[in-house]
Amino acid sequence: MTRPAPTGTRTPLLGLAVDGKTLRGSRTGEDVTHLPAAVRHDSQIVVAQAQVTAKSNEIPAFAPLLATLDLSGVVVTADALHTQHEHARHIVTAGGHYLLIVKGNQPTLHRRFKALPWREAILNDRTDETGHGRREIRRLKICTARRGLPFPHAAQAIQVKRRRTDRKTGKITIVTIYAVTSLPPGRVPHAPQLATLIRGHWSVEILHYIRDVTYREDACKVRTGAAPRILASLRNLAIGLARLIGWTNIAAATDHYRSHPDDGLQLLGLTT
């Protein structure tokens, strides 16, 4: 993975989301193919992918997945499954930073985060968006990590409070999310950039959604050996190429190249 180009004296940060996806059609007996992957926030390009036999095996696959990547100037984002001490140490030792969700699988850390003085903390960022039949207000607060916080290299604690209103029913849902990061105060000069990194993690979920809905990946019954992973890699390649040349609607891109295969060959540098 190429590191971001430096600007001025400080290297801009690149978000890299780590998450796994189960290929449901690949089940053989009790085994099913599960693919942890590292995905760039900015382009949905998959820069690393591994194969394990179950989601429970995703944790030990984390460090090997990132082992070949240059993590300088990279912020690795992941959900609570990967909020593990060894994962944090691996990322920082490799020269990167982490931004990890904190939930009940780390009960001591979660209790400590809930007990931080959030009422006294200033509001660092607020967004108000309307779409898909709902209005969502997000408020972000940051606390500098206290000494003795039980997590390696923790520098800042983050609270995100989401208030979602269903515009049709009027139902209001409020969810509070906590995150921990090794980014020190000032490394991200503006709080909205932290909010962008948190939301950027959704890029991997969007990628998985596209593979399911547009490419019907879960309906694929290929089960033998590495074949499920190879097909998933080809889907990743097709989506990444479409993103790089400017397609924002992958379904429309797929329809185009299905109807114009010569354009697809040209995109790959091939001619008929």
C-alpha atoms as a PDB file:
ATOM      1  CA  MET A   1       0.000   0.000   0.000  1.00  0.00           C
ATOM      2  CA  THR A   2       1.399   3.381  -0.996  1.00  0.00           C
ATOM      3  CA  ARG A   3       1.557   5.868   1.845  1.00  0.00           C
ATOM      4  CA  PRO A   4      -0.105   9.272   1.368  1.00  0.00           C
ATOM      5  CA  ALA A   5       2.041  11.971  -0.214  1.00  0.00           C
ATOM      6  CA  PRO A   6       3.357  14.515   2.316  1.00  0.00           C
ATOM      7  CA  THR A   7       1.933  18.011   2.358  1.00  0.00           C
ATOM      8  CA  GLY A   8       4.034  20.642   4.086  1.00  0.00           C
ATOM      9  CA  THR A   9       5.668  19.201   7.208  1.00  0.00           C
ATOM     10  CA  ARG A  10       2.890  16.835   8.247  1.00  0.00           C
ATOM     11  CA  THR A  11       1.780  13.674   6.481  1.00  0.00           C
ATOM     12  CA  PRO A  12      -1.990  13.603   5.943  1.00  0.00           C
ATOM     13  CA  LEU A  13      -3.748  10.670   7.531  1.00  0.00           C
ATOM     14  CA  LEU A  14      -5.273   7.832   5.525  1.00  0.00           C
ATOM     15  CA  GLY A  15      -8.166   5.856   7.010  1.00  0.00           C
ATOM     16  CA  LEU A  16      -7.945   2.085   6.647  1.00  0.00           C
ATOM     17  CA  ALA A  17     -10.978   0.045   7.735  1.00  0.00           C
ATOM     18  CA  VAL A  18     -10.575  -3.556   8.899  1.00  0.00           C
ATOM     19  CA  ASP A  19     -13.629  -5.795   8.917  1.00  0.00           C
ATOM     20  CA  GLY A  20     -14.649  -9.255   7.805  1.00  0.00           C
ATOM     21  CA  LYS A  21     -17.402 -10.667   5.601  1.00  0.00           C
ATOM     22  CA  THR A  22     -18.838 -14.172   5.599  1.00  0.00           C
ATOM     23  CA  LEU A  23     -19.535 -15.734   2.186  1.00  0.00           C
ATOM     24  CA  ARG A  24     -22.753 -17.465   3.190  1.00  0.00           C
ATOM     25  CA  GLY A  25     -23.104 -19.560   0.061  1.00  0.00           C
ATOM     26  CA  SER A  26     -19.677 -21.134   0.615  1.00  0.00           C
ATOM     27  CA  ARG A  27     -20.758 -23.221   3.618  1.00  0.00           C
ATOM     28  CA  THR A  28     -19.493 -26.809   3.617  1.00  0.00           C
ATOM     29  CA  GLY A  29     -20.737 -28.700   6.656  1.00  0.00           C
ATOM     30  CA  GLU A  30     -19.922 -26.511   9.646  1.00  0.00           C
ATOM     31  CA  ASP A  31     -17.253 -24.498   7.830  1.00  0.00           C
ATOM     32  CA  VAL A  32     -17.883 -21.294   5.948  1.00  0.00           C
ATOM     33  CA  THR A  33     -15.462 -18.906   4.254  1.00  0.00           C
ATOM     34  CA  HIS A  34     -14.921 -15.668   6.164  1.00  0.00           C
ATOM     35  CA  LEU A  35     -12.771 -12.919   4.653  1.00  0.00           C
ATOM     36  CA  PRO A  36     -11.183 -10.258   6.872  1.00  0.00           C
ATOM     37  CA  ALA A  37     -10.050  -7.324   4.740  1.00  0.00           C
ATOM     38  CA  ALA A  38      -8.379  -3.929   4.980  1.00  0.00           C
ATOM     39  CA  VAL A  39     -10.153  -1.266   2.907  1.00  0.00           C
ATOM     40  CA  ARG A  40      -9.157   2.336   2.196  1.00  0.00           C
ATOM     41  CA  HIS A  41     -11.742   4.844   3.397  1.00  0.00           C
ATOM     42  CA  ASP A  42     -11.242   7.183   0.446  1.00  0.00           C
ATOM     43  CA  SER A  43     -11.664   4.752  -2.450  1.00  0.00           C
ATOM     44  CA  GLN A  44     -13.060   1.437  -1.083  1.00  0.00           C
ATOM     45  CA  ILE A  45      -9.986  -0.269  -2.534  1.00  0.00           C
ATOM     46  CA  VAL A  46      -9.108  -3.509  -0.747  1.00  0.00           C
ATOM     47  CA  VAL A  47      -5.374  -3.504   0.002  1.00  0.00           C
ATOM     48  CA  ALA A  48      -5.259  -6.782   1.944  1.00  0.00           C
ATOM     49  CA  GLN A  49      -7.552  -9.778   2.359  1.00  0.00           C
ATOM     50  CA  ALA A  50      -7.260 -13.096   4.202  1.00  0.00           C
ATOM     51  CA  GLN A  51      -9.345 -16.245   4.472  1.00  0.00           C
ATOM     52  CA  VAL A  52     -10.488 -17.913   7.698  1.00  0.00           C
ATOM     53  CA  THR A  53     -13.165 -20.512   8.386  1.00  0.00           C
ATOM     54  CA  ALA A  54     -15.337 -18.506  10.809  1.00  0.00           C
ATOM     55  CA  LYS A  55     -15.836 -15.004  12.152  1.00  0.00           C
ATOM     56  CA  SER A  56     -14.430 -16.155  15.505  1.00  0.00           C
ATOM     57  CA  ASN A  57     -11.082 -16.676  13.738  1.00  0.00           C
ATOM     58  CA  GLU A  58     -10.970 -13.052  12.563  1.00  0.00           C
ATOM     59  CA  ILE A  59      -9.143 -11.829  15.689  1.00  0.00           C
ATOM     60  CA  PRO A  60      -5.947 -13.900  15.199  1.00  0.00           C
ATOM     61  CA  ALA A  61      -5.979 -12.973  11.484  1.00  0.00           C
ATOM     62  CA  PHE A  62      -5.756  -9.232  12.282  1.00  0.00           C
ATOM     63  CA  ALA A  63      -1.982  -8.819  12.662  1.00  0.00           C
ATOM     64  CA  PRO A  64      -1.050 -11.068   9.690  1.00  0.00           C
ATOM     65  CA  LEU A  65      -3.549  -9.144   7.541  1.00  0.00           C
ATOM     66  CA  LEU A  66      -1.725  -5.859   8.220  1.00  0.00           C
ATOM     67  CA  ALA A  67       1.788  -7.298   8.369  1.00  0.00           C
ATOM     68  CA  THR A  68       2.723  -6.497   4.750  1.00  0.00           C
ATOM     69  CA  LEU A  69       1.311  -2.951   4.773  1.00  0.00           C
ATOM     70  CA  ASP A  70       3.143   0.319   5.418  1.00  0.00           C
ATOM     71  CA  LEU A  71       1.110   1.899   8.219  1.00  0.00           C
ATOM     72  CA  SER A  72       2.981   5.215   8.304  1.00  0.00           C
ATOM     73  CA  GLY A  73       0.393   7.989   8.186  1.00  0.00           C
ATOM     74  CA  VAL A  74      -2.420   5.431   8.463  1.00  0.00           C
ATOM     75  CA  VAL A  75      -5.276   5.328  10.987  1.00  0.00           C
ATOM     76  CA  VAL A  76      -6.640   1.797  11.276  1.00  0.00           C
ATOM     77  CA  THR A  77     -10.336   1.790  12.154  1.00  0.00           C
ATOM     78  CA  ALA A  78     -12.223  -1.269  13.367  1.00  0.00           C
ATOM     79  CA  ASP A  79     -15.343  -2.240  15.278  1.00  0.00           C
ATOM     80  CA  ALA A  80     -15.386  -3.516  18.849  1.00  0.00           C
ATOM     81  CA  LEU A  81     -14.351  -7.054  17.884  1.00  0.00           C
ATOM     82  CA  HIS A  82     -10.849  -5.739  17.207  1.00  0.00           C
ATOM     83  CA  THR A  83     -10.554  -3.496  20.249  1.00  0.00           C
ATOM     84  CA  GLN A  84      -7.849  -5.809  21.531  1.00  0.00           C
ATOM     85  CA  HIS A  85      -4.641  -4.887  23.383  1.00  0.00           C
ATOM     86  CA  GLU A  86      -2.413  -6.826  21.000  1.00  0.00           C
ATOM     87  CA  HIS A  87      -4.039  -5.231  17.968  1.00  0.00           C
ATOM     88  CA  ALA A  88      -3.363  -1.751  19.349  1.00  0.00           C
ATOM     89  CA  ARG A  89       0.265  -2.606  20.091  1.00  0.00           C
ATOM     90  CA  HIS A  90       0.775  -4.092  16.630  1.00  0.00           C
ATOM     91  CA  ILE A  91      -0.583  -1.004  14.846  1.00  0.00           C
ATOM     92  CA  VAL A  92       1.496   1.479  16.862  1.00  0.00           C
ATOM     93  CA  THR A  93       4.660  -0.646  16.638  1.00  0.00           C
ATOM     94  CA  ALA A  94       4.186  -0.707  12.845  1.00  0.00           C
ATOM     95  CA  GLY A  95       4.123   3.100  12.783  1.00  0.00           C
ATOM     96  CA  GLY A  96       0.369   3.647  12.478  1.00  0.00           C
ATOM     97  CA  HIS A  97      -2.461   4.903  14.651  1.00  0.00           C
ATOM     98  CA  TYR A  98      -5.732   3.268  15.615  1.00  0.00           C
ATOM     99  CA  LEU A  99      -9.315   4.399  16.162  1.00  0.00           C
ATOM    100  CA  LEU A 100     -11.337   1.563  17.698  1.00  0.00           C
ATOM    101  CA  ILE A 101     -14.917   1.282  18.941  1.00  0.00           C
ATOM    102  CA  VAL A 102     -15.316   0.504  22.649  1.00  0.00           C
ATOM    103  CA  LYS A 103     -18.188  -1.764  23.708  1.00  0.00           C
ATOM    104  CA  GLY A 104     -19.005  -4.384  26.295  1.00  0.00           C
ATOM    105  CA  ASN A 105     -16.420  -6.923  25.083  1.00  0.00           C
ATOM    106  CA  GLN A 106     -13.918  -4.686  26.933  1.00  0.00           C
ATOM    107  CA  PRO A 107     -16.040  -4.161  30.072  1.00  0.00           C
ATOM    108  CA  THR A 108     -13.436  -2.371  32.221  1.00  0.00           C
ATOM    109  CA  LEU A 109     -12.508   0.010  29.427  1.00  0.00           C
ATOM    110  CA  HIS A 110     -16.177   0.599  28.585  1.00  0.00           C
ATOM    111  CA  ARG A 111     -17.014   1.462  32.208  1.00  0.00           C
ATOM    112  CA  ARG A 112     -14.072   3.846  32.398  1.00  0.00           C
ATOM    113  CA  PHE A 113     -15.150   5.598  29.201  1.00  0.00           C
ATOM    114  CA  LYS A 114     -18.734   5.977  30.397  1.00  0.00           C
ATOM    115  CA  ALA A 115     -17.450   7.495  33.646  1.00  0.00           C
ATOM    116  CA  LEU A 116     -15.375  10.224  31.953  1.00  0.00           C
ATOM    117  CA  PRO A 117     -16.660  13.797  32.536  1.00  0.00           C
ATOM    118  CA  TRP A 118     -18.595  14.060  29.285  1.00  0.00           C
ATOM    119  CA  ARG A 119     -21.090  16.583  30.692  1.00  0.00           C
ATOM    120  CA  GLU A 120     -18.261  19.031  31.297  1.00  0.00           C
ATOM    121  CA  ALA A 121     -16.527  18.296  27.968  1.00  0.00           C
ATOM    122  CA  ILE A 122     -17.006  20.833  25.199  1.00  0.00           C
ATOM    123  CA  LEU A 123     -18.914  19.932  22.048  1.00  0.00           C
ATOM    124  CA  ASN A 124     -16.192  19.419  19.438  1.00  0.00           C
ATOM    125  CA  ASP A 125     -18.350  18.720  16.392  1.00  0.00           C
ATOM    126  CA  ARG A 126     -22.011  18.612  15.387  1.00  0.00           C
ATOM    127  CA  THR A 127     -23.576  17.470  12.128  1.00  0.00           C
ATOM    128  CA  ASP A 128     -27.216  17.515  11.080  1.00  0.00           C
ATOM    129  CA  GLU A 129     -28.163  15.470   8.018  1.00  0.00           C
ATOM    130  CA  THR A 130     -31.436  14.467   6.410  1.00  0.00           C
ATOM    131  CA  GLY A 131     -31.839  11.566   4.011  1.00  0.00           C
ATOM    132  CA  HIS A 132     -33.323   8.096   3.512  1.00  0.00           C
ATOM    133  CA  GLY A 133     -36.459   9.154   5.360  1.00  0.00           C
ATOM    134  CA  ARG A 134     -34.714  10.235   8.543  1.00  0.00           C
ATOM    135  CA  ARG A 135     -32.925  13.101  10.202  1.00  0.00           C
ATOM    136  CA  GLU A 136     -29.731  12.337  12.115  1.00  0.00           C
ATOM    137  CA  ILE A 137     -27.881  14.694  14.449  1.00  0.00           C
ATOM    138  CA  ARG A 138     -24.411  13.595  15.572  1.00  0.00           C
ATOM    139  CA  ARG A 139     -22.525  15.229  18.428  1.00  0.00           C
ATOM    140  CA  LEU A 140     -18.872  14.442  19.071  1.00  0.00           C
ATOM    141  CA  LYS A 141     -16.883  15.125  22.238  1.00  0.00           C
ATOM    142  CA  ILE A 142     -13.243  14.372  22.984  1.00  0.00           C
ATOM    143  CA  CYS A 143     -11.479  13.744  26.294  1.00  0.00           C
ATOM    144  CA  THR A 144      -7.714  13.465  26.626  1.00  0.00           C
ATOM    145  CA  ALA A 145      -7.052  10.002  28.019  1.00  0.00           C
ATOM    146  CA  ARG A 146      -6.384   9.872  31.751  1.00  0.00           C
ATOM    147  CA  ARG A 147      -3.273   8.163  33.053  1.00  0.00           C
ATOM    148  CA  GLY A 148      -3.851   4.537  33.798  1.00  0.00           C
ATOM    149  CA  LEU A 149      -6.531   4.062  31.144  1.00  0.00           C
ATOM    150  CA  PRO A 150      -6.421   0.279  30.618  1.00  0.00           C
ATOM    151  CA  PHE A 151      -5.583   0.228  26.909  1.00  0.00           C
ATOM    152  CA  PRO A 152      -2.189   0.421  25.164  1.00  0.00           C
ATOM    153  CA  HIS A 153      -1.159   3.785  23.669  1.00  0.00           C
ATOM    154  CA  ALA A 154      -4.585   5.341  24.350  1.00  0.00           C
ATOM    155  CA  ALA A 155      -4.296   9.109  23.851  1.00  0.00           C
ATOM    156  CA  GLN A 156      -7.883  10.306  23.453  1.00  0.00           C
ATOM    157  CA  ALA A 157     -11.368   9.059  24.286  1.00  0.00           C
ATOM    158  CA  ILE A 158     -14.262   9.932  21.980  1.00  0.00           C
ATOM    159  CA  GLN A 159     -17.996  10.028  22.559  1.00  0.00           C
ATOM    160  CA  VAL A 160     -20.426  10.166  19.639  1.00  0.00           C
ATOM    161  CA  LYS A 161     -24.107  10.670  20.427  1.00  0.00           C
ATOM    162  CA  ARG A 162     -26.474   9.995  17.534  1.00  0.00           C
ATOM    163  CA  ARG A 163     -30.066  11.231  17.611  1.00  0.00           C
ATOM    164  CA  ARG A 164     -32.071   9.751  14.736  1.00  0.00           C
ATOM    165  CA  THR A 165     -35.638  10.814  13.920  1.00  0.00           C
ATOM    166  CA  ASP A 166     -37.813   8.784  11.573  1.00  0.00           C
ATOM    167  CA  ARG A 167     -39.534  11.491   9.512  1.00  0.00           C
ATOM    168  CA  LYS A 168     -42.514   9.257   8.764  1.00  0.00           C
ATOM    169  CA  THR A 169     -43.284   7.973  12.259  1.00  0.00           C
ATOM    170  CA  GLY A 170     -41.606  10.622  14.386  1.00  0.00           C
ATOM    171  CA  LYS A 171     -39.825   7.917  16.395  1.00  0.00           C
ATOM    172  CA  ILE A 172     -36.607   9.153  17.995  1.00  0.00           C
ATOM    173  CA  THR A 173     -33.651   6.846  18.661  1.00  0.00           C
ATOM    174  CA  ILE A 174     -30.598   7.993  20.630  1.00  0.00           C
ATOM    175  CA  VAL A 175     -27.412   5.916  20.575  1.00  0.00           C
ATOM    176  CA  THR A 176     -24.130   6.677  22.328  1.00  0.00           C
ATOM    177  CA  ILE A 177     -20.889   5.274  20.916  1.00  0.00           C
ATOM    178  CA  TYR A 178     -17.426   5.384  22.484  1.00  0.00           C
ATOM    179  CA  ALA A 179     -14.094   5.088  20.709  1.00  0.00           C
ATOM    180  CA  VAL A 180     -10.433   5.090  21.698  1.00  0.00           C
ATOM    181  CA  THR A 181      -7.566   6.401  19.584  1.00  0.00           C
ATOM    182  CA  SER A 182      -3.803   6.584  19.762  1.00  0.00           C
ATOM    183  CA  LEU A 183      -3.897   9.909  17.894  1.00  0.00           C
ATOM    184  CA  PRO A 184      -2.547  12.529  20.306  1.00  0.00           C
ATOM    185  CA  PRO A 185      -4.263  15.914  20.731  1.00  0.00           C
ATOM    186  CA  GLY A 186      -3.307  18.125  17.816  1.00  0.00           C
ATOM    187  CA  ARG A 187      -2.376  15.309  15.396  1.00  0.00           C
ATOM    188  CA  VAL A 188      -5.826  15.791  13.882  1.00  0.00           C
ATOM    189  CA  PRO A 189      -6.122  19.584  14.098  1.00  0.00           C
ATOM    190  CA  HIS A 190      -9.887  19.739  13.577  1.00  0.00           C
ATOM    191  CA  ALA A 191     -12.478  17.586  15.353  1.00  0.00           C
ATOM    192  CA  PRO A 192     -14.561  17.084  12.176  1.00  0.00           C
ATOM    193  CA  GLN A 193     -11.641  15.074  10.792  1.00  0.00           C
ATOM    194  CA  LEU A 194     -12.015  12.618  13.677  1.00  0.00           C
ATOM    195  CA  ALA A 195     -15.733  12.417  12.931  1.00  0.00           C
ATOM    196  CA  THR A 196     -14.860  11.748   9.286  1.00  0.00           C
ATOM    197  CA  LEU A 197     -12.529   8.903  10.285  1.00  0.00           C
ATOM    198  CA  ILE A 198     -15.257   7.323  12.420  1.00  0.00           C
ATOM    199  CA  ARG A 199     -17.826   7.558   9.647  1.00  0.00           C
ATOM    200  CA  GLY A 200     -15.228   6.517   7.076  1.00  0.00           C
ATOM    201  CA  HIS A 201     -15.160   3.077   8.633  1.00  0.00           C
ATOM    202  CA  TRP A 202     -18.568   2.531   7.022  1.00  0.00           C
ATOM    203  CA  SER A 203     -16.782   2.348   3.652  1.00  0.00           C
ATOM    204  CA  VAL A 204     -16.056  -1.318   4.281  1.00  0.00           C
ATOM    205  CA  GLU A 205     -19.711  -2.003   5.152  1.00  0.00           C
ATOM    206  CA  ILE A 206     -20.786  -0.246   1.945  1.00  0.00           C
ATOM    207  CA  LEU A 207     -18.343  -2.419  -0.004  1.00  0.00           C
ATOM    208  CA  HIS A 208     -19.841  -5.559   1.533  1.00  0.00           C
ATOM    209  CA  TYR A 209     -23.344  -4.318   0.753  1.00  0.00           C
ATOM    210  CA  ILE A 210     -22.428  -3.746  -2.905  1.00  0.00           C
ATOM    211  CA  ARG A 211     -20.955  -7.233  -3.188  1.00  0.00           C
ATOM    212  CA  ASP A 212     -24.150  -8.716  -1.747  1.00  0.00           C
ATOM    213  CA  VAL A 213     -26.745  -6.624  -3.571  1.00  0.00           C
ATOM    214  CA  THR A 214     -25.084  -5.869  -6.918  1.00  0.00           C
ATOM    215  CA  TYR A 215     -22.997  -9.032  -7.325  1.00  0.00           C
ATOM    216  CA  ARG A 216     -25.246 -11.360  -5.251  1.00  0.00           C
ATOM    217  CA  GLU A 217     -22.163 -12.728  -3.505  1.00  0.00           C
ATOM    218  CA  ASP A 218     -24.026 -14.588  -0.749  1.00  0.00           C
ATOM    219  CA  ALA A 219     -25.984 -16.510  -3.384  1.00  0.00           C
ATOM    220  CA  CYS A 220     -22.762 -17.830  -4.947  1.00  0.00           C
ATOM    221  CA  LYS A 221     -22.387 -21.556  -4.171  1.00  0.00           C
ATOM    222  CA  VAL A 222     -18.674 -21.851  -4.983  1.00  0.00           C
ATOM    223  CA  ARG A 223     -17.137 -23.723  -2.048  1.00  0.00           C
ATOM    224  CA  THR A 224     -13.879 -25.357  -3.108  1.00  0.00           C
ATOM    225  CA  GLY A 225     -10.550 -24.293  -1.617  1.00  0.00           C
ATOM    226  CA  ALA A 226      -9.526 -20.715  -2.327  1.00  0.00           C
ATOM    227  CA  ALA A 227     -12.117 -20.235  -5.088  1.00  0.00           C
ATOM    228  CA  PRO A 228     -14.576 -18.222  -2.896  1.00  0.00           C
ATOM    229  CA  ARG A 229     -11.766 -15.835  -1.885  1.00  0.00           C
ATOM    230  CA  ILE A 230     -10.560 -15.475  -5.484  1.00  0.00           C
ATOM    231  CA  LEU A 231     -14.049 -14.583  -6.709  1.00  0.00           C
ATOM    232  CA  ALA A 232     -14.433 -12.062  -3.870  1.00  0.00           C
ATOM    233  CA  SER A 233     -11.074 -10.554  -4.871  1.00  0.00           C
ATOM    234  CA  LEU A 234     -12.281 -10.170  -8.456  1.00  0.00           C
ATOM    235  CA  ARG A 235     -15.423  -8.394  -7.203  1.00  0.00           C
ATOM    236  CA  ASN A 236     -13.223  -6.124  -5.091  1.00  0.00           C
ATOM    237  CA  LEU A 237     -11.092  -5.398  -8.157  1.00  0.00           C
ATOM    238  CA  ALA A 238     -14.111  -4.526 -10.299  1.00  0.00           C
ATOM    239  CA  ILE A 239     -15.501  -2.165  -7.641  1.00  0.00           C
ATOM    240  CA  GLY A 240     -12.114  -0.548  -7.020  1.00  0.00           C
ATOM    241  CA  LEU A 241     -11.483   0.080 -10.721  1.00  0.00           C
ATOM    242  CA  ALA A 242     -14.936   1.588 -11.150  1.00  0.00           C
ATOM    243  CA  ARG A 243     -14.341   3.891  -8.173  1.00  0.00           C
ATOM    244  CA  LEU A 244     -10.944   4.988  -9.487  1.00  0.00           C
ATOM    245  CA  ILE A 245     -12.348   6.130 -12.831  1.00  0.00           C
ATOM    246  CA  GLY A 246     -15.181   8.054 -11.199  1.00  0.00           C
ATOM    247  CA  TRP A 247     -18.199   5.767 -10.955  1.00  0.00           C
ATOM    248  CA  THR A 248     -20.301   6.520  -7.873  1.00  0.00           C
ATOM    249  CA  ASN A 249     -23.068   4.017  -8.679  1.00  0.00           C
ATOM    250  CA  ILE A 250     -21.547   0.548  -8.956  1.00  0.00           C
ATOM    251  CA  ALA A 251     -24.815  -1.018 -10.155  1.00  0.00           C
ATOM    252  CA  ALA A 252     -24.861   1.433 -13.075  1.00  0.00           C
ATOM    253  CA  ALA A 253     -21.177   0.702 -13.777  1.00  0.00           C
ATOM    254  CA  THR A 254     -21.871  -3.038 -13.795  1.00  0.00           C
ATOM    255  CA  ASP A 255     -24.771  -2.601 -16.220  1.00  0.00           C
ATOM    256  CA  HIS A 256     -22.578  -0.455 -18.491  1.00  0.00           C
ATOM    257  CA  TYR A 257     -19.704  -2.924 -18.739  1.00  0.00           C
ATOM    258  CA  ARG A 258     -22.082  -5.855 -19.122  1.00  0.00           C
ATOM    259  CA  SER A 259     -23.549  -4.109 -22.187  1.00  0.00           C
ATOM    260  CA  HIS A 260     -20.177  -2.785 -23.417  1.00  0.00           C
ATOM    261  CA  PRO A 261     -17.585  -5.513 -22.698  1.00  0.00           C
ATOM    262  CA  ASP A 262     -15.015  -3.808 -24.954  1.00  0.00           C
ATOM    263  CA  ASP A 263     -14.994  -0.852 -22.550  1.00  0.00           C
ATOM    264  CA  GLY A 264     -14.197  -3.254 -19.730  1.00  0.00           C
ATOM    265  CA  LEU A 265     -11.309  -4.786 -21.649  1.00  0.00           C
ATOM    266  CA  GLN A 266      -9.987  -1.320 -22.435  1.00  0.00           C
ATOM    267  CA  LEU A 267     -10.191  -0.426 -18.755  1.00  0.00           C
ATOM    268  CA  LEU A 268      -7.938  -3.425 -18.026  1.00  0.00           C
ATOM    269  CA  GLY A 269      -5.525  -2.464 -20.792  1.00  0.00           C
ATOM    270  CA  LEU A 270      -6.643  -5.336 -23.016  1.00  0.00           C
ATOM    271  CA  THR A 271      -7.837  -5.210 -26.612  1.00  0.00           C
ATOM    272  CA  THR A 272      -9.938  -7.604 -28.667  1.00  0.00           C
END
